[in-house]
């Protein structure tokens, strides 16, 4: 009952393949590999220093005076029931 031999692991592997099938196991492996790769990329990007903000304003930004001149439309969102 201590450790399992190679024959025990082969029987377990055979049962898993019979239950799930090889195609499903392949898809699960691909999904898991993609998730691990995405996690590693996220960790690399998260550890990088933040980029400096540009000194010039972006074309889509509106200055404070121009924003005050425009009319604001107030809307209320209704929840769907």
Protein backbone atom coordinates (compact mmCIF):
# COMPACT_ATOMS: atom_id res chain seq x y z
CA UNK A 1 0.00 0.00 0.00
CA UNK A 2 3.07 2.26 0.18
CA UNK A 3 4.16 2.92 -3.40
CA UNK A 4 2.60 1.93 -6.68
CA UNK A 5 4.45 -0.06 -9.31
CA UNK A 6 4.54 0.80 -13.02
CA UNK A 7 1.71 -1.67 -13.64
CA UNK A 8 -0.61 0.20 -11.31
CA UNK A 9 0.07 3.48 -13.14
CA UNK A 10 -0.46 1.84 -16.55
CA UNK A 11 -3.85 0.50 -15.44
CA UNK A 12 -4.83 3.96 -14.14
CA UNK A 13 -3.71 5.54 -17.43
CA UNK A 14 -5.70 2.99 -19.43
CA UNK A 15 -8.85 3.70 -17.39
CA UNK A 16 -8.43 7.47 -17.82
CA UNK A 17 -8.02 7.07 -21.60
CA UNK A 18 -11.09 4.83 -21.76
CA UNK A 19 -13.20 7.27 -19.76
CA UNK A 20 -12.14 10.54 -21.42
CA UNK A 21 -10.85 9.45 -24.81
CA UNK A 22 -7.66 10.59 -26.49
CA UNK A 23 -9.20 13.58 -28.29
CA UNK A 24 -10.60 15.07 -25.08
CA UNK A 25 -7.29 14.51 -23.27
CA UNK A 26 -5.41 16.19 -26.13
CA UNK A 27 -7.74 19.20 -26.01
CA UNK A 28 -7.37 19.45 -22.24
CA UNK A 29 -3.58 19.33 -22.58
CA UNK A 30 -3.61 22.03 -25.24
CA UNK A 31 -5.86 24.26 -23.11
CA UNK A 32 -3.69 23.73 -20.05
CA UNK A 33 -0.52 24.53 -22.01
CA UNK A 34 -2.08 27.71 -23.39
CA UNK A 35 -3.14 28.78 -19.92
CA UNK A 36 0.35 28.21 -18.53
CA UNK A 37 1.89 30.16 -21.42
CA UNK A 38 -0.55 33.03 -20.89
CA UNK A 39 0.23 33.06 -17.18
CA UNK A 40 3.98 33.20 -17.84
CA UNK A 41 3.53 36.04 -20.35
CA UNK A 42 1.39 37.90 -17.83
CA UNK A 43 4.02 37.50 -15.16
CA UNK A 44 6.69 38.87 -17.53
CA UNK A 45 4.53 41.86 -18.45
CA UNK A 46 3.55 42.50 -14.84
CA UNK A 47 7.17 42.64 -13.71
CA UNK A 48 8.17 45.17 -16.36
CA UNK A 49 8.53 48.83 -15.41
CA UNK A 50 5.54 50.98 -16.38
CA UNK A 51 6.00 53.05 -19.49
CA UNK A 52 6.40 56.80 -19.21
CA UNK A 53 3.42 58.91 -20.13
CA UNK A 54 3.80 61.05 -23.25
CA UNK A 55 4.50 64.73 -22.65
CA UNK A 56 2.11 65.90 -25.38
CA UNK A 57 -1.63 65.40 -25.04
CA UNK A 58 -3.26 62.76 -27.17
CA UNK A 59 -5.50 63.96 -30.01
CA UNK A 60 -8.66 62.46 -28.46
CA UNK A 61 -8.21 64.21 -25.13
CA UNK A 62 -10.17 67.39 -24.51
CA UNK A 63 -8.79 70.30 -22.52
CA UNK A 64 -10.61 71.43 -19.37
CA UNK A 65 -12.04 74.61 -20.97
CA UNK A 66 -13.36 72.78 -24.02
CA UNK A 67 -14.94 70.10 -21.84
CA UNK A 68 -16.76 72.74 -19.77
CA UNK A 69 -18.26 74.33 -22.91
CA UNK A 70 -19.89 71.12 -24.14
CA UNK A 71 -23.32 70.07 -22.91
CA UNK A 72 -23.50 66.97 -20.76
CA UNK A 73 -26.28 64.48 -21.30
CA UNK A 74 -27.33 62.57 -18.21
CA UNK A 75 -28.83 59.12 -18.71
CA UNK A 76 -30.19 56.54 -16.35
CA UNK A 77 -29.58 52.84 -16.96
CA UNK A 78 -32.45 50.51 -16.25
CA UNK A 79 -31.90 46.97 -15.12
CA UNK A 80 -33.44 44.16 -17.10
CA UNK A 81 -35.86 42.07 -15.10
